[in-house]
C-alpha cells in the first residue's frame, strides 16, 4: 500500500506542476508580465479575476492540491494508527 501511495504522490506532483504551467501560460496571455507567485493572488489583476478560462484552470489546480492534501492526511492518519498498535 505504501508503494502505491508513493506512486500516487509522484503522479499528483507531476499533475500539479503541469497545471501550474498551464495556469501561468493562460494568465500570461492576459497579463504578459505575470510571474508564478502572482497565481496565488489573481485578485491583484482584475482581468484574471474575471476571466472564466483562467478561473477554470485555477479550479483544476485547486482540486489537484486538495486531493494531494487529503491523501497526505489519510496516509498520515493511517500510518499513525498502525504505529500505536
N, C-alpha and C. Protein backbone atom coordinates (compact mmCIF):
# COMPACT_ATOMS: atom_id res chain seq x y z
N UNK A 1 0.83 -1.20 0.00
CA UNK A 1 0.00 0.00 0.00
C UNK A 1 0.87 1.26 0.00
N UNK A 2 1.97 1.21 0.77
CA UNK A 2 2.85 2.37 0.87
C UNK A 2 3.47 2.70 -0.49
N UNK A 3 3.86 1.66 -1.23
CA UNK A 3 4.44 1.87 -2.57
C UNK A 3 3.42 2.51 -3.50
N UNK A 4 2.19 2.07 -3.40
CA UNK A 4 1.12 2.63 -4.24
C UNK A 4 0.89 4.10 -3.89
N UNK A 5 0.90 4.43 -2.59
CA UNK A 5 0.73 5.82 -2.18
C UNK A 5 1.85 6.69 -2.71
N UNK A 6 3.07 6.17 -2.72
CA UNK A 6 4.20 6.92 -3.25
C UNK A 6 4.02 7.18 -4.75
N UNK A 7 3.56 6.17 -5.47
CA UNK A 7 3.32 6.33 -6.91
C UNK A 7 2.24 7.39 -7.16
N UNK A 8 1.21 7.37 -6.35
CA UNK A 8 0.13 8.36 -6.48
C UNK A 8 0.67 9.75 -6.16
N UNK A 9 1.49 9.87 -5.13
CA UNK A 9 2.07 11.17 -4.75
C UNK A 9 2.94 11.72 -5.87
N UNK A 10 3.74 10.87 -6.48
CA UNK A 10 4.59 11.30 -7.59
C UNK A 10 3.73 11.77 -8.76
N UNK A 11 2.70 11.01 -9.09
CA UNK A 11 1.80 11.38 -10.18
C UNK A 11 1.11 12.72 -9.88
N UNK A 12 0.62 12.89 -8.67
CA UNK A 12 -0.04 14.15 -8.30
C UNK A 12 0.93 15.32 -8.38
N UNK A 13 2.17 15.13 -7.94
CA UNK A 13 3.17 16.20 -8.05
C UNK A 13 3.37 16.61 -9.51
N UNK A 14 3.43 15.62 -10.39
CA UNK A 14 3.58 15.91 -11.82
C UNK A 14 2.37 16.65 -12.37
N UNK A 15 1.19 16.20 -11.97
CA UNK A 15 -0.05 16.84 -12.43
C UNK A 15 -0.12 18.29 -11.94
N UNK A 16 0.25 18.52 -10.69
CA UNK A 16 0.22 19.86 -10.12
C UNK A 16 1.22 20.76 -10.83
N UNK A 17 2.42 20.27 -11.06
CA UNK A 17 3.43 21.07 -11.77
C UNK A 17 2.96 21.42 -13.17
N UNK A 18 2.38 20.46 -13.87
CA UNK A 18 1.88 20.71 -15.22
C UNK A 18 0.74 21.72 -15.21
N UNK A 19 -0.17 21.59 -14.25
CA UNK A 19 -1.30 22.51 -14.18
C UNK A 19 -0.86 23.92 -13.80
N UNK A 20 0.16 24.03 -12.95
CA UNK A 20 0.71 25.37 -12.64
C UNK A 20 1.23 26.04 -13.91
N UNK A 21 1.92 25.26 -14.75
CA UNK A 21 2.44 25.81 -16.01
C UNK A 21 1.29 26.19 -16.94
N UNK A 22 0.27 25.36 -16.99
CA UNK A 22 -0.90 25.66 -17.81
C UNK A 22 -1.56 26.95 -17.34
N UNK A 23 -1.72 27.08 -16.03
CA UNK A 23 -2.34 28.28 -15.46
C UNK A 23 -1.48 29.51 -15.72
N UNK A 24 -0.17 29.38 -15.58
CA UNK A 24 0.72 30.51 -15.83
C UNK A 24 0.66 30.93 -17.29
N UNK A 25 0.67 29.98 -18.21
CA UNK A 25 0.56 30.32 -19.64
C UNK A 25 -0.77 31.01 -19.94
N UNK A 26 -1.83 30.49 -19.34
CA UNK A 26 -3.15 31.10 -19.52
C UNK A 26 -3.15 32.53 -19.00
N UNK A 27 -2.59 32.73 -17.82
CA UNK A 27 -2.53 34.06 -17.23
C UNK A 27 -1.67 35.02 -18.03
N UNK A 28 -0.57 34.51 -18.58
CA UNK A 28 0.32 35.38 -19.36
C UNK A 28 -0.27 35.81 -20.69
N UNK A 29 -1.26 35.10 -21.17
CA UNK A 29 -1.96 35.57 -22.37
C UNK A 29 -2.71 36.86 -22.07
N UNK A 30 -3.10 37.03 -20.82
CA UNK A 30 -3.86 38.21 -20.41
C UNK A 30 -2.97 39.26 -19.73
N UNK A 31 -1.97 38.81 -18.99
CA UNK A 31 -1.05 39.70 -18.26
C UNK A 31 0.37 39.19 -18.57
N UNK A 32 1.02 39.70 -19.62
CA UNK A 32 2.30 39.15 -20.06
C UNK A 32 3.41 39.14 -18.99
N UNK A 33 3.41 40.07 -18.06
CA UNK A 33 4.46 40.13 -17.04
C UNK A 33 4.18 39.25 -15.83
N UNK A 34 3.14 38.44 -15.87
CA UNK A 34 2.74 37.59 -14.76
C UNK A 34 3.86 36.62 -14.37
N UNK A 35 4.11 36.49 -13.08
CA UNK A 35 5.07 35.50 -12.57
C UNK A 35 4.30 34.48 -11.74
N UNK A 36 4.95 33.36 -11.44
CA UNK A 36 4.25 32.27 -10.76
C UNK A 36 3.65 32.68 -9.42
N UNK A 37 4.34 33.52 -8.68
CA UNK A 37 3.79 33.98 -7.39
C UNK A 37 2.47 34.72 -7.56
N UNK A 38 2.28 35.37 -8.69
CA UNK A 38 1.03 36.10 -8.95
C UNK A 38 -0.18 35.17 -9.04
N UNK A 39 0.07 33.90 -9.30
CA UNK A 39 -1.04 32.95 -9.41
C UNK A 39 -1.79 32.80 -8.10
N UNK A 40 -1.12 33.08 -6.99
CA UNK A 40 -1.75 32.93 -5.68
C UNK A 40 -2.59 34.14 -5.30
N UNK A 41 -2.43 35.25 -6.03
CA UNK A 41 -3.21 36.47 -5.77
C UNK A 41 -3.77 37.03 -7.08
N UNK A 42 -4.59 36.26 -7.78
CA UNK A 42 -5.10 36.76 -9.07
C UNK A 42 -6.00 37.98 -8.91
N UNK A 43 -6.50 38.21 -7.69
CA UNK A 43 -7.35 39.38 -7.49
C UNK A 43 -6.57 40.69 -7.64
N UNK A 44 -5.23 40.62 -7.67
CA UNK A 44 -4.41 41.80 -7.96
C UNK A 44 -4.54 42.22 -9.43
N UNK A 45 -5.08 41.33 -10.25
CA UNK A 45 -5.23 41.57 -11.67
C UNK A 45 -6.69 41.33 -12.05
N UNK A 46 -7.50 42.39 -12.10
CA UNK A 46 -8.93 42.20 -12.39
C UNK A 46 -9.20 41.41 -13.67
N UNK A 47 -8.33 41.53 -14.65
CA UNK A 47 -8.56 40.79 -15.89
C UNK A 47 -8.47 39.27 -15.65
N UNK A 48 -7.64 38.86 -14.71
CA UNK A 48 -7.56 37.43 -14.35
C UNK A 48 -8.75 37.03 -13.48
N UNK A 49 -9.03 37.89 -12.53
CA UNK A 49 -10.12 37.65 -11.58
C UNK A 49 -11.45 37.38 -12.29
N UNK A 50 -11.64 38.05 -13.41
CA UNK A 50 -12.92 37.97 -14.12
C UNK A 50 -12.88 37.11 -15.37
N UNK A 51 -11.78 36.39 -15.59
CA UNK A 51 -11.66 35.58 -16.79
C UNK A 51 -12.08 34.13 -16.50
N UNK A 52 -13.13 33.64 -17.17
CA UNK A 52 -13.63 32.30 -16.86
C UNK A 52 -12.64 31.18 -17.20
N UNK A 53 -11.85 31.36 -18.23
CA UNK A 53 -10.88 30.31 -18.60
C UNK A 53 -9.79 30.23 -17.53
N UNK A 54 -9.28 31.39 -17.10
CA UNK A 54 -8.28 31.40 -16.04
C UNK A 54 -8.85 30.78 -14.77
N UNK A 55 -10.05 31.14 -14.41
CA UNK A 55 -10.68 30.61 -13.20
C UNK A 55 -10.90 29.11 -13.30
N UNK A 56 -11.25 28.63 -14.48
CA UNK A 56 -11.43 27.19 -14.69
C UNK A 56 -10.10 26.46 -14.44
N UNK A 57 -9.03 26.95 -15.07
CA UNK A 57 -7.71 26.34 -14.90
C UNK A 57 -7.25 26.43 -13.44
N UNK A 58 -7.55 27.53 -12.79
CA UNK A 58 -7.23 27.70 -11.38
C UNK A 58 -7.98 26.67 -10.52
N UNK A 59 -9.23 26.41 -10.88
CA UNK A 59 -10.03 25.43 -10.16
C UNK A 59 -9.49 24.02 -10.30
N UNK A 60 -8.98 23.69 -11.47
CA UNK A 60 -8.36 22.38 -11.67
C UNK A 60 -7.15 22.25 -10.75
N UNK A 61 -6.31 23.28 -10.71
CA UNK A 61 -5.14 23.25 -9.84
C UNK A 61 -5.56 23.11 -8.37
N UNK A 62 -6.54 23.86 -7.97
CA UNK A 62 -7.02 23.78 -6.58
C UNK A 62 -7.54 22.38 -6.26
N UNK A 63 -8.21 21.76 -7.20
CA UNK A 63 -8.71 20.40 -7.00
C UNK A 63 -7.58 19.40 -6.82
N UNK A 64 -6.56 19.50 -7.67
CA UNK A 64 -5.40 18.61 -7.54
C UNK A 64 -4.73 18.79 -6.18
N UNK A 65 -4.59 20.03 -5.77
CA UNK A 65 -3.92 20.31 -4.50
C UNK A 65 -4.76 19.83 -3.31
N UNK A 66 -6.08 19.94 -3.43
CA UNK A 66 -6.97 19.43 -2.37
C UNK A 66 -6.87 17.91 -2.27
N UNK A 67 -6.83 17.26 -3.42
CA UNK A 67 -6.68 15.81 -3.44
C UNK A 67 -5.36 15.40 -2.80
N UNK A 68 -4.30 16.12 -3.13
CA UNK A 68 -2.99 15.83 -2.55
C UNK A 68 -3.02 15.97 -1.02
N UNK A 69 -3.62 17.02 -0.54
CA UNK A 69 -3.73 17.23 0.92
C UNK A 69 -4.55 16.12 1.58
N UNK A 70 -5.64 15.74 0.96
CA UNK A 70 -6.49 14.69 1.52
C UNK A 70 -5.75 13.35 1.57
N UNK A 71 -5.03 13.03 0.52
CA UNK A 71 -4.29 11.77 0.51
C UNK A 71 -3.16 11.77 1.53
N UNK A 72 -2.49 12.91 1.67
CA UNK A 72 -1.44 13.00 2.68
C UNK A 72 -2.02 12.85 4.09
N UNK A 73 -3.15 13.47 4.33
CA UNK A 73 -3.78 13.36 5.65
C UNK A 73 -4.21 11.92 5.92
N UNK A 74 -4.77 11.28 4.91
CA UNK A 74 -5.20 9.89 5.08
C UNK A 74 -4.00 8.98 5.32
N UNK A 75 -2.93 9.19 4.59
CA UNK A 75 -1.72 8.38 4.76
C UNK A 75 -1.13 8.60 6.14
N UNK A 76 -1.10 9.85 6.57
CA UNK A 76 -0.56 10.18 7.90
C UNK A 76 -1.42 9.53 8.99
N UNK A 77 -2.72 9.66 8.87
CA UNK A 77 -3.64 9.08 9.86
C UNK A 77 -3.51 7.56 9.88
N UNK A 78 -3.43 6.97 8.69
CA UNK A 78 -3.33 5.52 8.57
C UNK A 78 -2.02 5.02 9.18
N UNK A 79 -0.91 5.67 8.87
CA UNK A 79 0.38 5.23 9.41
C UNK A 79 0.47 5.50 10.90
N UNK A 80 -0.14 6.60 11.36
CA UNK A 80 -0.12 6.93 12.78
C UNK A 80 -0.92 5.90 13.59
N UNK A 81 -2.06 5.46 13.07
CA UNK A 81 -2.88 4.49 13.80
C UNK A 81 -2.21 3.12 13.86
N UNK A 82 -1.45 2.76 12.84
CA UNK A 82 -0.73 1.48 12.86
C UNK A 82 0.46 1.53 13.82
N UNK A 83 1.07 2.70 13.99
CA UNK A 83 2.23 2.79 14.88
C UNK A 83 1.81 2.70 16.35
N UNK A 84 0.54 2.93 16.64
CA UNK A 84 0.06 2.86 18.02
C UNK A 84 -0.42 1.46 18.39
N UNK A 85 -0.49 0.57 17.41
CA UNK A 85 -0.99 -0.80 17.70
C UNK A 85 0.08 -1.65 18.32
